[in-house]
């Protein structure tokens, strides 16, 4: 009986191992699809970034609507926090606290957010975020504004 159970356990572990490796991406997928299907539109059908759009369709960081700022804050806490730690002190990804980002410019941080880091688990967010939104996120991270219970 024990031999049969160990054979079954090995067979199940072979079956579930690929699922366990895919799980982090499976958790991200509904969020990404929701944003893509919504076309960047908020709950009231407004353009998701809620700010003014420049000549090239870029949103200026200082002109984001409060609702979009709240959405981006949630994105930082949930999506960034899933790899960088819920308190942003690090985990799979590097820490994102102000002291860890002090040597990086807002533009450099925004570039990492938009294009990811090749060869690491850091994905590109360019398909979901505009330049101005990435700059806003970079500013929030550098200033330490994003904390549990602290909405901008």
Protein backbone atom coordinates (compact mmCIF):
# COMPACT_ATOMS: atom_id res chain seq x y z
CA UNK A 1 0.00 0.00 0.00
CA UNK A 2 2.81 2.44 0.87
CA UNK A 3 4.58 1.70 -2.41
CA UNK A 4 1.39 2.52 -4.35
CA UNK A 5 0.98 5.78 -2.42
CA UNK A 6 4.56 6.85 -3.09
CA UNK A 7 4.11 6.16 -6.81
CA UNK A 8 0.94 8.21 -6.75
CA UNK A 9 2.65 11.02 -4.82
CA UNK A 10 5.48 11.17 -7.37
CA UNK A 11 3.02 11.21 -10.25
CA UNK A 12 1.03 14.03 -8.64
CA UNK A 13 4.18 16.05 -7.87
CA UNK A 14 5.19 15.80 -11.53
CA UNK A 15 1.74 16.99 -12.51
CA UNK A 16 1.54 19.92 -10.06
CA UNK A 17 5.14 21.20 -10.36
CA UNK A 18 4.48 23.06 -13.67
CA UNK A 19 1.34 24.54 -12.15
CA UNK A 20 3.28 25.81 -9.13
CA UNK A 21 5.83 27.46 -11.41
CA UNK A 22 3.05 29.11 -13.44
CA UNK A 23 1.08 30.31 -10.40
CA UNK A 24 2.72 33.78 -10.02
CA UNK A 25 1.95 34.55 -13.66
CA UNK A 26 -1.57 33.15 -13.28
CA UNK A 27 -2.19 35.60 -10.45
CA UNK A 28 -0.96 38.54 -12.55
CA UNK A 29 -2.87 37.55 -15.70
CA UNK A 30 -6.41 38.51 -14.54
CA UNK A 31 -5.19 41.96 -13.54
CA UNK A 32 -3.44 42.51 -16.85
CA UNK A 33 -6.39 41.22 -18.86
CA UNK A 34 -8.81 43.34 -16.87
CA UNK A 35 -6.83 46.46 -17.64
CA UNK A 36 -6.50 45.55 -21.31
CA UNK A 37 -10.19 44.65 -21.73
CA UNK A 38 -11.25 47.82 -19.94
CA UNK A 39 -9.08 49.72 -22.39
CA UNK A 40 -7.65 51.79 -19.56
CA UNK A 41 -11.10 53.03 -18.60
CA UNK A 42 -12.19 53.56 -15.03
CA UNK A 43 -15.46 52.54 -13.41
CA UNK A 44 -17.33 55.51 -14.90
CA UNK A 45 -15.97 54.99 -18.41
CA UNK A 46 -13.41 57.77 -18.03
CA UNK A 47 -9.96 57.44 -19.47
CA UNK A 48 -8.01 55.46 -16.86
CA UNK A 49 -5.10 57.86 -16.45
CA UNK A 50 -7.52 60.69 -15.78
CA UNK A 51 -4.90 63.28 -16.59
CA UNK A 52 -4.01 65.52 -19.47
CA UNK A 53 -2.42 63.85 -22.43
CA UNK A 54 0.57 65.40 -24.16
CA UNK A 55 1.25 65.51 -27.88
CA UNK A 56 2.48 61.92 -27.98
CA UNK A 57 -0.27 60.51 -25.78
CA UNK A 58 1.86 60.65 -22.65
CA UNK A 59 0.28 61.54 -19.35
CA UNK A 60 2.05 64.11 -17.25
CA UNK A 61 2.87 62.80 -13.79
CA UNK A 62 1.49 65.80 -11.91
CA UNK A 63 -1.85 65.72 -13.69
CA UNK A 64 -3.26 62.34 -12.72
CA UNK A 65 -6.83 62.16 -11.48
CA UNK A 66 -7.28 61.14 -7.83
CA UNK A 67 -9.06 57.95 -8.90
CA UNK A 68 -6.10 56.95 -11.09
CA UNK A 69 -3.66 57.73 -8.28
CA UNK A 70 -5.67 55.38 -6.08
CA UNK A 71 -5.55 52.68 -8.77
CA UNK A 72 -1.79 53.08 -9.13
CA UNK A 73 -1.32 52.98 -5.36
CA UNK A 74 -3.23 49.70 -5.30
CA UNK A 75 -1.06 48.42 -8.17
CA UNK A 76 2.08 49.22 -6.16
CA UNK A 77 0.78 47.53 -3.05
CA UNK A 78 -0.57 44.42 -4.75
CA UNK A 79 1.50 43.82 -7.87
CA UNK A 80 4.84 45.36 -6.89
CA UNK A 81 4.40 44.10 -3.34
CA UNK A 82 3.96 40.52 -4.53
CA UNK A 83 7.66 40.44 -5.52
CA UNK A 84 9.21 43.36 -3.63
CA UNK A 85 7.46 42.49 -0.37
CA UNK A 86 4.20 43.90 0.96
CA UNK A 87 6.18 46.51 2.88
CA UNK A 88 8.50 47.02 -0.13
CA UNK A 89 11.48 45.92 1.96
CA UNK A 90 12.41 43.29 -0.64
CA UNK A 91 11.62 39.70 -1.41
CA UNK A 92 12.02 38.10 -4.81
CA UNK A 93 12.67 41.65 -6.05
CA UNK A 94 14.92 44.34 -4.60
CA UNK A 95 13.72 46.65 -1.82
CA UNK A 96 11.87 49.77 -3.00
CA UNK A 97 12.29 51.99 0.04
CA UNK A 98 13.53 55.59 -0.35
CA UNK A 99 16.95 54.74 1.09
CA UNK A 100 17.33 52.01 -1.55
CA UNK A 101 16.33 54.33 -4.40
CA UNK A 102 18.21 57.47 -3.36
CA UNK A 103 20.93 57.02 -6.00
CA UNK A 104 18.46 56.51 -8.86
CA UNK A 105 16.72 59.31 -10.73
CA UNK A 106 12.96 59.39 -11.23
CA UNK A 107 13.54 58.82 -14.95
CA UNK A 108 15.71 55.76 -14.32
CA UNK A 109 13.14 54.23 -11.97
CA UNK A 110 10.32 54.96 -14.43
CA UNK A 111 12.36 53.34 -17.21
CA UNK A 112 12.77 50.17 -15.12
CA UNK A 113 9.03 50.15 -14.40
CA UNK A 114 8.13 50.57 -18.07
CA UNK A 115 10.72 48.27 -19.65
CA UNK A 116 11.46 45.78 -16.87
CA UNK A 117 14.90 44.29 -16.28
CA UNK A 118 15.93 41.65 -18.82
CA UNK A 119 17.20 38.43 -17.29
CA UNK A 120 15.29 39.01 -14.05
CA UNK A 121 11.67 38.41 -13.00
CA UNK A 122 10.98 42.19 -13.27
CA UNK A 123 8.41 42.45 -16.10
CA UNK A 124 7.82 45.45 -18.36
CA UNK A 125 4.69 47.45 -17.53
CA UNK A 126 4.74 49.67 -20.65
CA UNK A 127 1.62 48.01 -22.06
CA UNK A 128 -0.35 48.92 -18.94
CA UNK A 129 1.22 52.19 -17.81
CA UNK A 130 2.03 55.47 -19.52
CA UNK A 131 5.28 57.39 -19.00
CA UNK A 132 3.65 59.93 -16.67
CA UNK A 133 2.12 57.19 -14.56
CA UNK A 134 5.49 55.45 -14.22
CA UNK A 135 7.06 58.77 -13.20
CA UNK A 136 4.32 59.26 -10.60
CA UNK A 137 4.95 55.76 -9.20
CA UNK A 138 8.71 56.45 -9.14
CA UNK A 139 8.08 59.66 -7.20
CA UNK A 140 5.87 57.89 -4.70
CA UNK A 141 8.48 55.19 -4.14
CA UNK A 142 11.36 57.68 -3.78
CA UNK A 143 9.41 59.83 -1.34
CA UNK A 144 8.15 56.88 0.72
CA UNK A 145 4.54 58.02 0.32
CA UNK A 146 3.25 54.53 -0.39
CA UNK A 147 2.78 52.94 3.00
CA UNK A 148 0.10 50.72 4.43
CA UNK A 149 -3.01 52.82 4.96
CA UNK A 150 -1.43 55.94 3.42
CA UNK A 151 -3.20 56.88 0.20
CA UNK A 152 -1.91 59.89 -1.72
